[in-house]
Amino acid sequence: QVQLVESGGGLVQPGGPLRLSCAASGNFFRANTMAWYRQAPGKQRELVAKITRGGNTNYTDSVKGRFTISRDNTKNTLYLQMNALKPEDAAVYYCNVEIQQYYSDSFQTQYWGQGTQVTVSS
């Protein structure tokens, strides 16, 4: 069983920073692509940023230049450094990880974190 535990959400003033973490634990061979999604009230869940195991990154346009996604493969942990936060960044943030359970597997299973609330308000 794989578990994803998120941390780091909270209340921040506009323009401020916040750092999210997502730690994957359990018995598996490796974590491949890892990503952050967010969902604001009344809106669909959207991809914020993703990072491959090799470190290639992609960001949604609205966060480019402000957010940085990173990972520590030795700890199976994903991070999202968010700077210059705006009220429109407020949402529940979810991590998503593609897990390869066994070395011989040719498929991956996606797992989701429980979500962490980010509130941007003065």
Protein backbone atom coordinates (compact mmCIF):
# COMPACT_ATOMS: atom_id res chain seq x y z
CA GLN A 1 0.00 0.00 0.00
CA VAL A 2 1.27 3.44 -0.92
CA GLN A 3 0.52 6.52 1.14
CA LEU A 4 1.01 10.16 0.23
CA VAL A 5 1.18 12.62 3.08
CA GLU A 6 1.00 16.30 2.29
CA SER A 7 2.02 19.19 4.50
CA GLY A 8 2.73 22.90 4.37
CA GLY A 9 -0.60 24.45 3.54
CA GLY A 10 -2.01 27.37 5.45
CA LEU A 11 -2.92 31.02 5.41
CA VAL A 12 -0.59 33.47 3.71
CA GLN A 13 -0.88 37.11 2.75
CA PRO A 14 -0.90 38.11 -0.93
CA GLY A 15 2.65 38.29 -2.19
CA GLY A 16 3.89 35.87 0.42
CA PRO A 17 5.55 32.47 0.05
CA LEU A 18 4.49 28.99 1.03
CA ARG A 19 6.10 25.59 0.56
CA LEU A 20 4.19 22.36 0.17
CA SER A 21 5.60 18.88 0.67
CA CYS A 22 4.30 15.45 -0.25
CA ALA A 23 6.00 12.33 1.05
CA ALA A 24 5.34 8.94 -0.52
CA SER A 25 5.74 5.88 1.67
CA GLY A 26 5.07 2.16 1.44
CA ASN A 27 6.42 -0.78 -0.47
CA PHE A 28 7.11 0.11 -4.08
CA PHE A 29 9.94 0.09 -6.57
CA ARG A 30 9.94 3.77 -7.46
CA ALA A 31 7.98 6.95 -7.94
CA ASN A 32 7.96 8.23 -11.50
CA THR A 33 6.23 11.43 -12.56
CA MET A 34 5.03 13.51 -9.62
CA ALA A 35 2.65 16.43 -9.85
CA TRP A 36 0.69 19.07 -7.98
CA TYR A 37 -2.94 19.75 -8.77
CA ARG A 38 -5.30 22.25 -7.19
CA GLN A 39 -9.01 22.68 -6.90
CA ALA A 40 -10.76 25.90 -5.94
CA PRO A 41 -14.41 25.94 -4.82
CA GLY A 42 -16.73 25.54 -7.77
CA LYS A 43 -13.90 24.83 -10.18
CA GLN A 44 -12.43 21.73 -11.74
CA ARG A 45 -9.19 20.27 -10.47
CA GLU A 46 -6.31 21.59 -12.56
CA LEU A 47 -2.71 20.60 -13.04
CA VAL A 48 -0.35 23.12 -11.49
CA ALA A 49 3.04 21.56 -12.18
CA LYS A 50 4.65 18.21 -12.79
CA ILE A 51 8.15 16.80 -12.67
CA THR A 52 9.58 13.62 -14.11
CA ARG A 53 11.94 11.38 -12.24
CA GLY A 54 14.76 12.89 -14.26
CA GLY A 55 13.78 16.41 -13.27
CA ASN A 56 11.98 17.71 -16.34
CA THR A 57 9.27 20.15 -15.30
CA ASN A 58 6.09 21.65 -16.69
CA TYR A 59 3.94 24.43 -15.26
CA THR A 60 0.56 25.84 -15.98
CA ASP A 61 0.90 29.34 -17.40
CA SER A 62 -0.60 31.13 -14.42
CA VAL A 63 2.17 30.00 -12.05
CA LYS A 64 5.20 30.22 -14.29
CA GLY A 65 7.92 32.31 -12.73
CA ARG A 66 6.30 32.15 -9.29
CA PHE A 67 6.12 28.43 -8.43
CA THR A 68 8.92 25.89 -8.45
CA ILE A 69 8.35 22.16 -8.34
CA SER A 70 11.14 19.90 -7.14
CA ARG A 71 11.67 16.42 -5.74
CA ASP A 72 14.06 14.37 -3.68
CA ASN A 73 14.19 10.88 -5.13
CA THR A 74 16.10 9.54 -2.13
CA LYS A 75 13.20 10.51 0.11
CA ASN A 76 10.38 10.01 -2.39
CA THR A 77 9.27 13.51 -1.56
CA LEU A 78 7.76 16.18 -3.77
CA TYR A 79 7.86 19.90 -3.10
CA LEU A 80 6.15 23.01 -4.39
CA GLN A 81 7.70 26.35 -3.57
CA MET A 82 5.10 29.03 -4.13
CA ASN A 83 6.16 32.66 -4.21
CA ALA A 84 4.30 35.88 -4.89
CA LEU A 85 1.02 34.19 -4.04
CA LYS A 86 -2.19 35.71 -5.33
CA PRO A 87 -5.74 35.33 -4.05
CA GLU A 88 -6.54 33.29 -7.15
CA ASP A 89 -3.97 30.70 -6.05
CA ALA A 90 -6.17 29.79 -3.09
CA ALA A 91 -7.33 26.21 -3.40
CA VAL A 92 -6.89 22.73 -2.03
CA TYR A 93 -3.61 21.42 -3.38
CA TYR A 94 -3.21 17.72 -4.11
CA CYS A 95 -0.10 15.77 -4.94
CA ASN A 96 -0.29 13.01 -7.52
CA VAL A 97 2.35 10.35 -7.94
CA GLU A 98 2.78 7.64 -10.53
CA ILE A 99 4.05 4.56 -8.74
CA GLN A 100 5.80 1.62 -10.30
CA GLN A 101 5.11 -1.10 -7.77
CA TYR A 102 7.69 -3.67 -8.87
CA TYR A 103 10.82 -3.52 -11.00
CA SER A 104 9.26 -5.86 -13.56
CA ASP A 105 6.05 -3.85 -13.90
CA SER A 106 5.35 -2.24 -17.25
CA PHE A 107 2.51 -0.15 -15.82
CA GLN A 108 2.09 2.54 -13.17
CA THR A 109 -0.59 3.29 -10.63
CA GLN A 110 -1.58 6.83 -9.76
CA TYR A 111 -1.99 7.83 -6.14
CA TRP A 112 -3.40 11.03 -4.68
CA GLY A 113 -2.61 12.87 -1.48
CA GLN A 114 -5.35 13.93 0.91
CA GLY A 115 -5.08 17.57 -0.07
CA THR A 116 -3.83 20.61 1.80
CA GLN A 117 -5.62 23.95 1.94
CA VAL A 118 -3.87 27.09 0.74
CA THR A 119 -5.59 30.35 1.63
CA VAL A 120 -4.29 33.66 0.31
CA SER A 121 -5.83 36.60 2.10
CA SER A 122 -4.89 39.77 3.90
